[in-house]
N, C-alpha and C. Protein backbone atom coordinates (compact mmCIF):
# COMPACT_ATOMS: atom_id res chain seq x y z
N MET A 1 85.85 10.06 -29.14
CA MET A 1 85.75 10.40 -30.57
C MET A 1 86.63 11.61 -30.85
N ALA A 2 87.79 11.37 -31.43
CA ALA A 2 88.73 12.45 -31.72
C ALA A 2 88.34 13.13 -33.02
N LEU A 3 88.32 14.46 -32.99
CA LEU A 3 87.97 15.24 -34.17
C LEU A 3 89.18 16.06 -34.60
N MET A 4 89.42 16.08 -35.88
CA MET A 4 90.51 16.90 -36.39
C MET A 4 89.97 18.28 -36.74
N VAL A 5 90.70 19.30 -36.33
CA VAL A 5 90.27 20.67 -36.56
C VAL A 5 91.28 21.36 -37.46
N GLU A 6 90.82 21.82 -38.60
CA GLU A 6 91.70 22.57 -39.48
C GLU A 6 91.84 24.00 -38.97
N ARG A 7 93.06 24.53 -39.08
CA ARG A 7 93.32 25.81 -38.45
C ARG A 7 94.30 26.60 -39.32
N LYS A 8 94.08 27.87 -39.43
CA LYS A 8 95.00 28.76 -40.10
C LYS A 8 95.72 29.58 -39.04
N ASP A 9 97.05 29.42 -38.96
CA ASP A 9 97.83 30.12 -37.95
C ASP A 9 98.25 31.48 -38.48
N ASP A 10 98.24 32.47 -37.58
CA ASP A 10 98.66 33.80 -37.97
C ASP A 10 99.18 34.54 -36.76
N ASN A 11 99.96 35.58 -37.04
CA ASN A 11 100.45 36.48 -36.00
C ASN A 11 101.19 35.76 -34.87
N GLY A 12 101.92 34.70 -35.21
CA GLY A 12 102.72 34.00 -34.22
C GLY A 12 101.96 33.14 -33.25
N LEU A 13 100.67 32.91 -33.49
CA LEU A 13 99.88 32.15 -32.53
C LEU A 13 100.26 30.67 -32.52
N ALA A 14 100.75 30.14 -33.63
CA ALA A 14 101.19 28.74 -33.65
C ALA A 14 102.35 28.56 -32.67
N GLU A 15 103.27 29.50 -32.68
CA GLU A 15 104.41 29.44 -31.75
C GLU A 15 103.94 29.58 -30.31
N ALA A 16 102.99 30.49 -30.08
CA ALA A 16 102.46 30.68 -28.72
C ALA A 16 101.73 29.43 -28.25
N ARG A 17 101.00 28.78 -29.15
CA ARG A 17 100.28 27.56 -28.80
C ARG A 17 101.25 26.44 -28.41
N GLU A 18 102.34 26.32 -29.16
CA GLU A 18 103.32 25.29 -28.85
C GLU A 18 104.04 25.60 -27.53
N HIS A 19 104.28 26.87 -27.27
CA HIS A 19 104.88 27.26 -25.99
C HIS A 19 103.96 26.87 -24.84
N MET A 20 102.67 27.12 -25.01
CA MET A 20 101.69 26.73 -24.00
C MET A 20 101.78 25.22 -23.75
N ARG A 21 101.79 24.44 -24.82
CA ARG A 21 101.80 22.99 -24.67
C ARG A 21 103.06 22.51 -23.96
N ARG A 22 104.21 23.05 -24.38
CA ARG A 22 105.48 22.58 -23.82
C ARG A 22 105.71 23.05 -22.39
N HIS A 23 105.45 24.33 -22.13
CA HIS A 23 105.84 24.92 -20.85
C HIS A 23 104.71 24.97 -19.83
N ASP A 24 103.53 25.42 -20.25
CA ASP A 24 102.44 25.61 -19.28
C ASP A 24 101.69 24.32 -18.98
N LEU A 25 101.77 23.37 -19.89
CA LEU A 25 101.04 22.10 -19.70
C LEU A 25 102.00 20.96 -19.43
N ARG A 26 102.73 20.52 -20.45
CA ARG A 26 103.65 19.40 -20.27
C ARG A 26 104.76 19.74 -19.30
N GLY A 27 105.13 21.01 -19.24
CA GLY A 27 106.19 21.44 -18.32
C GLY A 27 105.76 21.43 -16.87
N ARG A 28 104.48 21.24 -16.64
CA ARG A 28 103.98 21.13 -15.26
C ARG A 28 103.56 19.67 -15.04
N ASP A 29 102.29 19.43 -14.74
CA ASP A 29 101.89 18.06 -14.43
C ASP A 29 100.85 17.51 -15.39
N ILE A 30 100.76 18.07 -16.58
CA ILE A 30 99.85 17.53 -17.59
C ILE A 30 100.62 16.49 -18.40
N THR A 31 100.24 15.23 -18.21
CA THR A 31 100.98 14.13 -18.83
C THR A 31 100.13 13.31 -19.79
N ASP A 32 98.81 13.48 -19.77
CA ASP A 32 97.93 12.69 -20.63
C ASP A 32 98.19 13.08 -22.09
N PRO A 33 98.65 12.15 -22.92
CA PRO A 33 99.00 12.51 -24.31
C PRO A 33 97.80 12.98 -25.11
N ASP A 34 96.61 12.45 -24.83
CA ASP A 34 95.43 12.87 -25.58
C ASP A 34 95.04 14.30 -25.22
N VAL A 35 95.14 14.66 -23.95
CA VAL A 35 94.85 16.03 -23.53
C VAL A 35 95.84 16.99 -24.17
N LEU A 36 97.12 16.64 -24.16
CA LEU A 36 98.14 17.50 -24.77
C LEU A 36 97.91 17.64 -26.28
N ARG A 37 97.53 16.55 -26.91
CA ARG A 37 97.27 16.60 -28.36
C ARG A 37 96.10 17.52 -28.70
N VAL A 38 95.01 17.35 -27.97
CA VAL A 38 93.82 18.15 -28.26
C VAL A 38 94.04 19.62 -27.93
N MET A 39 94.74 19.89 -26.83
CA MET A 39 95.04 21.28 -26.49
C MET A 39 95.90 21.95 -27.56
N ALA A 40 96.72 21.17 -28.24
CA ALA A 40 97.54 21.71 -29.33
C ALA A 40 96.74 21.88 -30.61
N GLN A 41 95.60 21.20 -30.73
CA GLN A 41 94.77 21.29 -31.94
C GLN A 41 93.79 22.45 -31.89
N ILE A 42 93.16 22.64 -30.74
CA ILE A 42 92.04 23.59 -30.67
C ILE A 42 92.55 25.02 -30.62
N PRO A 43 92.13 25.89 -31.53
CA PRO A 43 92.59 27.28 -31.56
C PRO A 43 91.89 28.15 -30.51
N ARG A 44 92.53 28.35 -29.38
CA ARG A 44 91.91 29.10 -28.29
C ARG A 44 91.57 30.53 -28.70
N GLU A 45 92.30 31.07 -29.67
CA GLU A 45 92.05 32.44 -30.10
C GLU A 45 90.64 32.61 -30.68
N GLU A 46 90.04 31.53 -31.15
CA GLU A 46 88.69 31.61 -31.72
C GLU A 46 87.63 31.83 -30.63
N PHE A 47 87.99 31.60 -29.38
CA PHE A 47 87.01 31.63 -28.29
C PHE A 47 87.10 32.89 -27.43
N VAL A 48 87.96 33.83 -27.82
CA VAL A 48 88.11 35.06 -27.04
C VAL A 48 87.76 36.26 -27.91
N PRO A 49 87.36 37.38 -27.31
CA PRO A 49 87.08 38.58 -28.10
C PRO A 49 88.31 39.00 -28.91
N PRO A 50 88.11 39.64 -30.06
CA PRO A 50 89.22 40.00 -30.94
C PRO A 50 90.36 40.73 -30.25
N GLU A 51 90.04 41.61 -29.33
CA GLU A 51 91.10 42.39 -28.68
C GLU A 51 92.00 41.54 -27.79
N TYR A 52 91.56 40.34 -27.45
CA TYR A 52 92.37 39.46 -26.60
C TYR A 52 93.06 38.33 -27.38
N ARG A 53 92.88 38.30 -28.68
CA ARG A 53 93.50 37.22 -29.46
C ARG A 53 95.01 37.14 -29.28
N PRO A 54 95.75 38.26 -29.24
CA PRO A 54 97.20 38.16 -29.02
C PRO A 54 97.57 37.51 -27.69
N GLN A 55 96.64 37.53 -26.71
CA GLN A 55 96.91 36.95 -25.39
C GLN A 55 96.29 35.56 -25.24
N ALA A 56 95.81 34.97 -26.33
CA ALA A 56 95.02 33.74 -26.24
C ALA A 56 95.75 32.59 -25.56
N TYR A 57 97.09 32.54 -25.66
CA TYR A 57 97.83 31.40 -25.09
C TYR A 57 98.61 31.78 -23.84
N LYS A 58 98.33 32.95 -23.31
CA LYS A 58 98.87 33.30 -22.01
C LYS A 58 98.20 32.42 -20.96
N ASP A 59 98.97 31.95 -19.99
CA ASP A 59 98.40 31.01 -19.01
C ASP A 59 97.65 31.76 -17.91
N GLY A 60 96.52 32.31 -18.31
CA GLY A 60 95.66 33.02 -17.38
C GLY A 60 94.28 33.15 -17.97
N PRO A 61 93.27 33.46 -17.14
CA PRO A 61 91.91 33.64 -17.65
C PRO A 61 91.79 34.93 -18.45
N LEU A 62 90.81 34.99 -19.33
CA LEU A 62 90.54 36.19 -20.12
C LEU A 62 89.04 36.46 -20.10
N PRO A 63 88.63 37.73 -20.09
CA PRO A 63 87.19 38.04 -20.11
C PRO A 63 86.56 37.71 -21.44
N ILE A 64 85.31 37.23 -21.37
CA ILE A 64 84.57 36.91 -22.61
C ILE A 64 83.25 37.66 -22.66
N GLY A 65 83.04 38.57 -21.71
CA GLY A 65 81.81 39.35 -21.68
C GLY A 65 80.83 38.84 -20.65
N GLY A 66 79.94 39.72 -20.22
CA GLY A 66 78.91 39.34 -19.26
C GLY A 66 79.44 38.95 -17.89
N GLY A 67 80.64 39.44 -17.56
CA GLY A 67 81.24 39.10 -16.27
C GLY A 67 81.81 37.69 -16.22
N GLN A 68 81.91 37.03 -17.38
CA GLN A 68 82.42 35.66 -17.44
C GLN A 68 83.83 35.64 -18.01
N THR A 69 84.53 34.53 -17.78
CA THR A 69 85.89 34.38 -18.28
C THR A 69 86.08 33.04 -18.95
N ILE A 70 87.11 32.96 -19.79
CA ILE A 70 87.61 31.69 -20.29
C ILE A 70 88.74 31.31 -19.36
N SER A 71 88.71 30.07 -18.83
CA SER A 71 89.70 29.64 -17.85
C SER A 71 91.10 29.57 -18.46
N GLN A 72 92.10 29.68 -17.60
CA GLN A 72 93.48 29.58 -18.07
C GLN A 72 93.72 28.20 -18.66
N PRO A 73 94.58 28.09 -19.66
CA PRO A 73 94.82 26.80 -20.32
C PRO A 73 95.21 25.69 -19.36
N TYR A 74 96.05 25.99 -18.37
CA TYR A 74 96.46 24.94 -17.44
C TYR A 74 95.28 24.33 -16.70
N ILE A 75 94.35 25.19 -16.23
CA ILE A 75 93.19 24.67 -15.49
C ILE A 75 92.30 23.84 -16.41
N VAL A 76 92.13 24.29 -17.64
CA VAL A 76 91.35 23.50 -18.61
C VAL A 76 91.97 22.12 -18.79
N ALA A 77 93.29 22.09 -18.97
CA ALA A 77 93.99 20.82 -19.17
C ALA A 77 93.92 19.96 -17.92
N LEU A 78 94.12 20.57 -16.76
CA LEU A 78 94.10 19.81 -15.51
C LEU A 78 92.73 19.18 -15.27
N MET A 79 91.66 19.96 -15.42
CA MET A 79 90.33 19.43 -15.20
C MET A 79 90.00 18.33 -16.21
N THR A 80 90.44 18.51 -17.44
CA THR A 80 90.19 17.49 -18.46
C THR A 80 90.96 16.21 -18.14
N GLN A 81 92.20 16.35 -17.74
CA GLN A 81 93.01 15.18 -17.39
C GLN A 81 92.40 14.43 -16.20
N LEU A 82 91.96 15.16 -15.19
CA LEU A 82 91.38 14.54 -14.00
C LEU A 82 90.06 13.84 -14.30
N LEU A 83 89.34 14.32 -15.31
CA LEU A 83 88.05 13.73 -15.65
C LEU A 83 88.20 12.37 -16.35
N ARG A 84 89.40 12.12 -16.92
CA ARG A 84 89.71 10.83 -17.54
C ARG A 84 88.65 10.44 -18.58
N VAL A 85 88.44 11.32 -19.53
CA VAL A 85 87.43 11.11 -20.57
C VAL A 85 87.90 10.03 -21.54
N ARG A 86 87.00 9.09 -21.84
CA ARG A 86 87.29 8.01 -22.78
C ARG A 86 86.46 8.21 -24.06
N PRO A 87 86.88 7.58 -25.16
CA PRO A 87 86.18 7.81 -26.44
C PRO A 87 84.69 7.49 -26.42
N GLY A 88 84.25 6.58 -25.58
CA GLY A 88 82.83 6.23 -25.55
C GLY A 88 82.00 6.99 -24.55
N ASP A 89 82.60 7.96 -23.86
CA ASP A 89 81.90 8.65 -22.78
C ASP A 89 80.86 9.65 -23.29
N GLU A 90 79.76 9.73 -22.54
CA GLU A 90 78.78 10.81 -22.67
C GLU A 90 79.08 11.80 -21.56
N VAL A 91 79.41 13.03 -21.93
CA VAL A 91 79.86 14.02 -20.96
C VAL A 91 78.83 15.13 -20.83
N LEU A 92 78.55 15.52 -19.60
CA LEU A 92 77.74 16.71 -19.32
C LEU A 92 78.66 17.82 -18.85
N GLU A 93 78.58 18.96 -19.52
CA GLU A 93 79.32 20.15 -19.11
C GLU A 93 78.32 21.18 -18.60
N VAL A 94 78.52 21.64 -17.38
CA VAL A 94 77.66 22.66 -16.79
C VAL A 94 78.41 23.98 -16.85
N GLY A 95 77.94 24.86 -17.73
CA GLY A 95 78.59 26.15 -17.94
C GLY A 95 79.38 26.15 -19.23
N THR A 96 78.69 26.37 -20.35
CA THR A 96 79.35 26.35 -21.66
C THR A 96 80.38 27.46 -21.78
N GLY A 97 80.03 28.64 -21.28
CA GLY A 97 80.95 29.78 -21.36
C GLY A 97 81.34 30.07 -22.79
N SER A 98 82.65 30.19 -23.02
CA SER A 98 83.15 30.50 -24.35
C SER A 98 83.00 29.33 -25.32
N GLY A 99 82.91 28.10 -24.78
CA GLY A 99 82.87 26.91 -25.62
C GLY A 99 84.23 26.25 -25.79
N TYR A 100 85.28 26.85 -25.23
CA TYR A 100 86.63 26.28 -25.38
C TYR A 100 86.75 24.93 -24.68
N GLN A 101 86.33 24.87 -23.42
CA GLN A 101 86.36 23.59 -22.71
C GLN A 101 85.43 22.58 -23.39
N THR A 102 84.31 23.05 -23.90
CA THR A 102 83.39 22.18 -24.63
C THR A 102 84.10 21.50 -25.80
N ALA A 103 84.86 22.30 -26.55
CA ALA A 103 85.57 21.78 -27.71
C ALA A 103 86.61 20.74 -27.31
N ILE A 104 87.33 21.01 -26.23
CA ILE A 104 88.34 20.06 -25.74
C ILE A 104 87.67 18.73 -25.39
N LEU A 105 86.58 18.80 -24.66
CA LEU A 105 85.86 17.58 -24.26
C LEU A 105 85.31 16.84 -25.48
N ALA A 106 84.79 17.59 -26.44
CA ALA A 106 84.18 16.97 -27.63
C ALA A 106 85.19 16.20 -28.45
N CYS A 107 86.45 16.61 -28.41
CA CYS A 107 87.49 15.91 -29.17
C CYS A 107 87.98 14.66 -28.46
N LEU A 108 87.49 14.42 -27.24
CA LEU A 108 87.90 13.25 -26.48
C LEU A 108 86.76 12.27 -26.24
N ALA A 109 85.52 12.76 -26.23
CA ALA A 109 84.36 11.96 -25.84
C ALA A 109 83.52 11.55 -27.05
N GLN A 110 82.57 10.66 -26.78
CA GLN A 110 81.60 10.31 -27.81
C GLN A 110 80.67 11.47 -28.10
N ARG A 111 80.20 12.10 -27.00
CA ARG A 111 79.27 13.21 -27.14
C ARG A 111 79.33 14.10 -25.90
N VAL A 112 79.11 15.39 -26.10
CA VAL A 112 79.07 16.35 -25.01
C VAL A 112 77.71 17.04 -25.02
N SER A 113 77.08 17.07 -23.86
CA SER A 113 75.86 17.85 -23.66
C SER A 113 76.24 19.02 -22.76
N THR A 114 76.02 20.23 -23.23
CA THR A 114 76.49 21.40 -22.48
C THR A 114 75.35 22.38 -22.25
N ILE A 115 75.27 22.90 -21.04
CA ILE A 115 74.17 23.80 -20.68
C ILE A 115 74.74 25.10 -20.13
N GLU A 116 74.15 26.20 -20.56
CA GLU A 116 74.63 27.54 -20.22
C GLU A 116 73.46 28.45 -19.87
N ARG A 117 73.62 29.22 -18.84
CA ARG A 117 72.56 30.13 -18.40
C ARG A 117 72.40 31.32 -19.34
N SER A 118 73.49 31.80 -19.92
CA SER A 118 73.46 32.98 -20.78
C SER A 118 73.16 32.61 -22.23
N PRO A 119 72.03 33.05 -22.79
CA PRO A 119 71.75 32.75 -24.20
C PRO A 119 72.83 33.29 -25.13
N GLU A 120 73.36 34.48 -24.82
CA GLU A 120 74.37 35.08 -25.69
C GLU A 120 75.63 34.23 -25.77
N LEU A 121 76.08 33.74 -24.61
CA LEU A 121 77.28 32.91 -24.60
C LEU A 121 77.03 31.58 -25.30
N SER A 122 75.87 30.99 -25.08
CA SER A 122 75.56 29.71 -25.71
C SER A 122 75.54 29.83 -27.23
N VAL A 123 74.91 30.88 -27.73
CA VAL A 123 74.83 31.08 -29.18
C VAL A 123 76.22 31.31 -29.77
N ALA A 124 77.03 32.11 -29.08
CA ALA A 124 78.38 32.38 -29.58
C ALA A 124 79.23 31.12 -29.58
N ALA A 125 79.14 30.32 -28.53
CA ALA A 125 79.92 29.08 -28.45
C ALA A 125 79.49 28.11 -29.55
N ARG A 126 78.20 28.01 -29.77
CA ARG A 126 77.69 27.11 -30.82
C ARG A 126 78.26 27.52 -32.18
N ALA A 127 78.33 28.84 -32.43
CA ALA A 127 78.83 29.32 -33.72
C ALA A 127 80.31 28.97 -33.91
N VAL A 128 81.11 29.12 -32.85
CA VAL A 128 82.54 28.81 -32.96
C VAL A 128 82.75 27.32 -33.20
N LEU A 129 82.03 26.47 -32.46
CA LEU A 129 82.20 25.03 -32.66
C LEU A 129 81.76 24.60 -34.06
N ALA A 130 80.70 25.22 -34.56
CA ALA A 130 80.27 24.92 -35.93
C ALA A 130 81.35 25.33 -36.93
N LYS A 131 81.96 26.48 -36.70
CA LYS A 131 83.03 26.96 -37.57
C LYS A 131 84.20 25.99 -37.59
N LEU A 132 84.47 25.36 -36.45
CA LEU A 132 85.60 24.44 -36.34
C LEU A 132 85.24 23.01 -36.77
N GLY A 133 83.97 22.80 -37.12
CA GLY A 133 83.56 21.48 -37.58
C GLY A 133 83.36 20.46 -36.47
N ILE A 134 83.14 20.94 -35.26
CA ILE A 134 82.90 20.05 -34.12
C ILE A 134 81.40 19.85 -33.99
N GLU A 135 80.94 18.63 -34.24
CA GLU A 135 79.51 18.38 -34.39
C GLU A 135 78.89 17.51 -33.29
N ASN A 136 79.69 16.90 -32.44
CA ASN A 136 79.16 15.97 -31.44
C ASN A 136 78.84 16.67 -30.11
N VAL A 137 78.20 17.83 -30.21
CA VAL A 137 77.84 18.62 -29.03
C VAL A 137 76.37 19.02 -29.11
N GLU A 138 75.67 18.85 -27.99
CA GLU A 138 74.27 19.26 -27.87
C GLU A 138 74.22 20.43 -26.88
N PHE A 139 73.60 21.53 -27.30
CA PHE A 139 73.55 22.75 -26.50
C PHE A 139 72.17 22.96 -25.89
N ARG A 140 72.15 23.45 -24.66
CA ARG A 140 70.91 23.88 -24.03
C ARG A 140 71.15 25.17 -23.25
N ILE A 141 70.09 25.95 -23.09
CA ILE A 141 70.13 27.16 -22.28
C ILE A 141 69.26 26.92 -21.05
N GLY A 142 69.82 27.15 -19.86
CA GLY A 142 69.04 26.92 -18.65
C GLY A 142 69.90 26.91 -17.41
N ASP A 143 69.32 26.48 -16.31
CA ASP A 143 69.98 26.42 -15.01
C ASP A 143 70.75 25.10 -14.91
N GLY A 144 72.04 25.17 -15.13
CA GLY A 144 72.86 23.97 -15.12
C GLY A 144 72.95 23.30 -13.76
N SER A 145 72.71 24.05 -12.68
CA SER A 145 72.77 23.44 -11.36
C SER A 145 71.67 22.41 -11.15
N ARG A 146 70.65 22.46 -11.99
CA ARG A 146 69.54 21.50 -11.92
C ARG A 146 69.77 20.28 -12.82
N GLY A 147 70.91 20.25 -13.49
CA GLY A 147 71.24 19.13 -14.35
C GLY A 147 70.63 19.28 -15.74
N TRP A 148 70.82 18.23 -16.55
CA TRP A 148 70.27 18.22 -17.91
C TRP A 148 68.75 18.14 -17.82
N PRO A 149 68.03 18.88 -18.66
CA PRO A 149 66.56 18.93 -18.54
C PRO A 149 65.87 17.58 -18.66
N GLU A 150 66.38 16.72 -19.53
CA GLU A 150 65.78 15.39 -19.67
C GLU A 150 66.54 14.38 -18.81
N ALA A 151 65.83 13.30 -18.46
CA ALA A 151 66.47 12.23 -17.69
C ALA A 151 67.61 11.64 -18.51
N ARG A 152 68.78 11.60 -17.94
CA ARG A 152 69.96 11.12 -18.65
C ARG A 152 71.00 10.69 -17.64
N ALA A 153 71.81 9.71 -17.97
CA ALA A 153 72.94 9.31 -17.14
C ALA A 153 74.22 9.61 -17.91
N PHE A 154 75.13 10.32 -17.26
CA PHE A 154 76.39 10.72 -17.89
C PHE A 154 77.55 10.02 -17.19
N SER A 155 78.47 9.52 -17.97
CA SER A 155 79.65 8.87 -17.38
C SER A 155 80.65 9.89 -16.84
N ARG A 156 80.59 11.11 -17.35
CA ARG A 156 81.47 12.17 -16.88
C ARG A 156 80.68 13.47 -16.79
N ILE A 157 80.91 14.24 -15.74
CA ILE A 157 80.28 15.56 -15.57
C ILE A 157 81.36 16.55 -15.17
N MET A 158 81.39 17.69 -15.85
CA MET A 158 82.31 18.77 -15.49
C MET A 158 81.50 20.03 -15.21
N ILE A 159 81.72 20.62 -14.05
CA ILE A 159 81.11 21.89 -13.69
C ILE A 159 82.19 22.95 -13.81
N THR A 160 81.97 23.94 -14.67
CA THR A 160 83.02 24.91 -14.98
C THR A 160 82.83 26.25 -14.27
N ALA A 161 81.97 26.28 -13.26
CA ALA A 161 81.80 27.47 -12.42
C ALA A 161 81.64 26.99 -10.98
N ALA A 162 81.94 27.87 -10.03
CA ALA A 162 81.96 27.47 -8.63
C ALA A 162 80.57 27.18 -8.09
N VAL A 163 80.47 26.12 -7.29
CA VAL A 163 79.23 25.77 -6.60
C VAL A 163 79.51 25.68 -5.10
N PRO A 164 78.51 26.02 -4.26
CA PRO A 164 78.73 25.92 -2.81
C PRO A 164 78.91 24.47 -2.36
N ASP A 165 78.21 23.56 -2.99
CA ASP A 165 78.33 22.12 -2.78
C ASP A 165 77.98 21.44 -4.10
N VAL A 166 78.33 20.18 -4.23
CA VAL A 166 77.97 19.45 -5.44
C VAL A 166 76.43 19.37 -5.52
N PRO A 167 75.83 19.89 -6.60
CA PRO A 167 74.36 19.90 -6.71
C PRO A 167 73.78 18.49 -6.76
N PRO A 168 72.80 18.19 -5.90
CA PRO A 168 72.18 16.85 -5.90
C PRO A 168 71.66 16.39 -7.26
N PRO A 169 71.05 17.27 -8.09
CA PRO A 169 70.58 16.78 -9.39
C PRO A 169 71.72 16.26 -10.28
N LEU A 170 72.91 16.83 -10.12
CA LEU A 170 74.04 16.37 -10.91
C LEU A 170 74.57 15.04 -10.38
N THR A 171 74.55 14.88 -9.07
CA THR A 171 74.91 13.59 -8.50
C THR A 171 73.98 12.50 -9.02
N ALA A 172 72.69 12.82 -9.13
CA ALA A 172 71.71 11.85 -9.60
C ALA A 172 71.94 11.49 -11.06
N GLN A 173 72.44 12.44 -11.86
CA GLN A 173 72.65 12.18 -13.29
C GLN A 173 74.01 11.57 -13.60
N LEU A 174 74.86 11.42 -12.58
CA LEU A 174 76.16 10.79 -12.79
C LEU A 174 75.98 9.27 -12.79
N ALA A 175 76.48 8.63 -13.82
CA ALA A 175 76.32 7.18 -13.96
C ALA A 175 77.02 6.43 -12.82
N GLY A 176 76.73 5.14 -12.72
CA GLY A 176 77.13 4.34 -11.58
C GLY A 176 78.60 4.36 -11.22
N THR A 177 79.48 4.38 -12.20
CA THR A 177 80.91 4.45 -11.91
C THR A 177 81.51 5.73 -12.50
N GLY A 178 80.69 6.77 -12.54
CA GLY A 178 81.09 8.00 -13.21
C GLY A 178 82.01 8.87 -12.38
N ILE A 179 82.54 9.90 -13.05
CA ILE A 179 83.44 10.87 -12.42
C ILE A 179 82.91 12.27 -12.67
N MET A 180 82.94 13.09 -11.62
CA MET A 180 82.54 14.49 -11.72
C MET A 180 83.67 15.37 -11.20
N ILE A 181 83.86 16.52 -11.81
CA ILE A 181 84.84 17.47 -11.33
C ILE A 181 84.19 18.83 -11.22
N ALA A 182 84.51 19.55 -10.13
CA ALA A 182 83.86 20.84 -9.89
C ALA A 182 84.70 21.68 -8.94
N PRO A 183 84.67 23.01 -9.10
CA PRO A 183 85.22 23.91 -8.09
C PRO A 183 84.16 24.13 -7.01
N VAL A 184 84.47 23.79 -5.78
CA VAL A 184 83.49 23.82 -4.70
C VAL A 184 83.96 24.74 -3.58
N GLY A 185 83.07 25.64 -3.16
CA GLY A 185 83.40 26.52 -2.05
C GLY A 185 82.45 27.69 -1.96
N GLN A 186 82.34 28.25 -0.77
CA GLN A 186 81.40 29.35 -0.52
C GLN A 186 81.99 30.72 -0.84
N GLY A 187 83.32 30.85 -0.78
CA GLY A 187 83.93 32.16 -0.91
C GLY A 187 84.44 32.46 -2.29
N ALA A 188 85.33 33.46 -2.36
CA ALA A 188 85.90 33.87 -3.65
C ALA A 188 86.85 32.81 -4.20
N ALA A 189 87.45 32.01 -3.32
CA ALA A 189 88.33 30.92 -3.74
C ALA A 189 87.66 29.59 -3.40
N GLN A 190 87.98 28.58 -4.17
CA GLN A 190 87.36 27.27 -3.98
C GLN A 190 88.41 26.17 -4.00
N GLU A 191 87.94 24.95 -3.77
CA GLU A 191 88.76 23.75 -3.92
C GLU A 191 88.28 23.00 -5.16
N LEU A 192 89.22 22.58 -5.98
CA LEU A 192 88.87 21.75 -7.12
C LEU A 192 88.68 20.32 -6.62
N ILE A 193 87.48 19.80 -6.82
CA ILE A 193 87.09 18.50 -6.27
C ILE A 193 86.85 17.51 -7.40
N VAL A 194 87.41 16.31 -7.25
CA VAL A 194 87.05 15.18 -8.12
C VAL A 194 86.19 14.24 -7.31
N ALA A 195 85.01 13.92 -7.82
CA ALA A 195 84.07 13.04 -7.12
C ALA A 195 83.81 11.82 -7.98
N GLU A 196 84.05 10.64 -7.42
CA GLU A 196 83.80 9.38 -8.13
C GLU A 196 82.64 8.65 -7.45
N LYS A 197 81.76 8.11 -8.26
CA LYS A 197 80.57 7.47 -7.74
C LYS A 197 80.82 5.98 -7.50
N HIS A 198 80.54 5.54 -6.28
CA HIS A 198 80.67 4.13 -5.92
C HIS A 198 79.44 3.72 -5.13
N GLN A 199 78.71 2.75 -5.64
CA GLN A 199 77.50 2.25 -4.98
C GLN A 199 76.54 3.37 -4.59
N GLY A 200 76.38 4.32 -5.52
CA GLY A 200 75.43 5.40 -5.34
C GLY A 200 75.93 6.57 -4.52
N LYS A 201 77.15 6.47 -3.99
CA LYS A 201 77.68 7.56 -3.17
C LYS A 201 78.89 8.19 -3.85
N LEU A 202 79.08 9.50 -3.57
CA LEU A 202 80.23 10.20 -4.13
C LEU A 202 81.41 10.13 -3.16
N ILE A 203 82.55 9.75 -3.67
CA ILE A 203 83.80 9.79 -2.92
C ILE A 203 84.59 10.98 -3.45
N GLU A 204 84.75 12.01 -2.62
CA GLU A 204 85.35 13.26 -3.07
C GLU A 204 86.82 13.35 -2.69
N THR A 205 87.62 13.87 -3.63
CA THR A 205 89.05 14.11 -3.39
C THR A 205 89.35 15.55 -3.75
N SER A 206 89.98 16.27 -2.84
CA SER A 206 90.38 17.66 -3.09
C SER A 206 91.72 17.67 -3.82
N ILE A 207 91.77 18.41 -4.92
CA ILE A 207 92.97 18.44 -5.75
C ILE A 207 93.84 19.65 -5.46
N CYS A 208 93.25 20.84 -5.49
CA CYS A 208 94.02 22.05 -5.29
C CYS A 208 93.06 23.23 -5.12
N GLY A 209 93.59 24.34 -4.70
CA GLY A 209 92.80 25.56 -4.65
C GLY A 209 92.60 26.11 -6.04
N CYS A 210 91.51 26.85 -6.23
CA CYS A 210 91.22 27.44 -7.54
C CYS A 210 90.31 28.65 -7.34
N ARG A 211 90.07 29.35 -8.43
CA ARG A 211 89.20 30.53 -8.37
C ARG A 211 88.37 30.61 -9.64
N PHE A 212 87.06 30.42 -9.51
CA PHE A 212 86.14 30.44 -10.64
C PHE A 212 85.02 31.45 -10.37
N VAL A 213 84.40 31.92 -11.43
CA VAL A 213 83.17 32.70 -11.27
C VAL A 213 82.10 31.76 -10.72
N LYS A 214 81.09 32.32 -10.08
CA LYS A 214 80.08 31.50 -9.42
C LYS A 214 79.01 31.01 -10.39
N LEU A 215 78.54 29.80 -10.15
CA LEU A 215 77.42 29.26 -10.91
C LEU A 215 76.13 29.78 -10.30
N ILE A 216 75.37 30.52 -11.09
CA ILE A 216 74.09 31.06 -10.62
C ILE A 216 73.00 30.04 -10.91
N GLY A 217 72.22 29.71 -9.88
CA GLY A 217 71.15 28.75 -10.09
C GLY A 217 70.57 28.25 -8.79
N GLU A 218 69.57 27.39 -8.91
CA GLU A 218 68.86 26.88 -7.75
C GLU A 218 69.79 26.17 -6.76
N TYR A 219 70.75 25.39 -7.28
CA TYR A 219 71.69 24.69 -6.43
C TYR A 219 73.08 25.30 -6.50
N GLY A 220 73.13 26.53 -7.03
CA GLY A 220 74.39 27.26 -7.08
C GLY A 220 74.29 28.46 -6.16
N PHE A 221 74.59 29.62 -6.70
CA PHE A 221 74.53 30.87 -5.94
C PHE A 221 73.41 31.75 -6.47
N SER A 222 72.88 32.59 -5.62
CA SER A 222 71.88 33.57 -6.06
C SER A 222 72.59 34.75 -6.72
N GLU A 223 71.86 35.47 -7.54
CA GLU A 223 72.46 36.61 -8.24
C GLU A 223 72.78 37.75 -7.29
């Protein structure tokens, strides 16, 4: 379900956004036309603190408060491309964060269910998506490592914070031929893993090294 987002460009951000699309995304290995289109639509500057708005399209992470970050645009695009989201998909996002990745997913999927441990981040993300007119998102506050609170099967699952291993509750909520993507690893650096479900088992493929903040929770990391 593609959503159009109206946007007012200012302070050269339209030019910076196009530079991001051409050089940091398409200029590398982002080839999915829908991912490139949506990344060009969503105003990343709306998801960062005011003091970081001039840097919104720099290809690097930015702090959003509470020790959390918004991922660099390339990683957002790469994870989205690898997830292969289709218009009819129900997507679970573990770790709402700023809501930027949520918005990207919402413009590609039928519906996004997103769960965040921090009430402050969840409330802020909900406000930005409402401002942008993105309505096909359901928000929850809680331990995302335990999966969605109600019984549900998702065709796509994205974990946006590092986990030591793929959490079993999320494996259980992944639909029969579903795809999950997650940064997995015990240390400061992780491997970006794509896991596809076949006959109830996950077939994992390592994509590249990455570095994410840790997911705090029962099946994540302790505080």
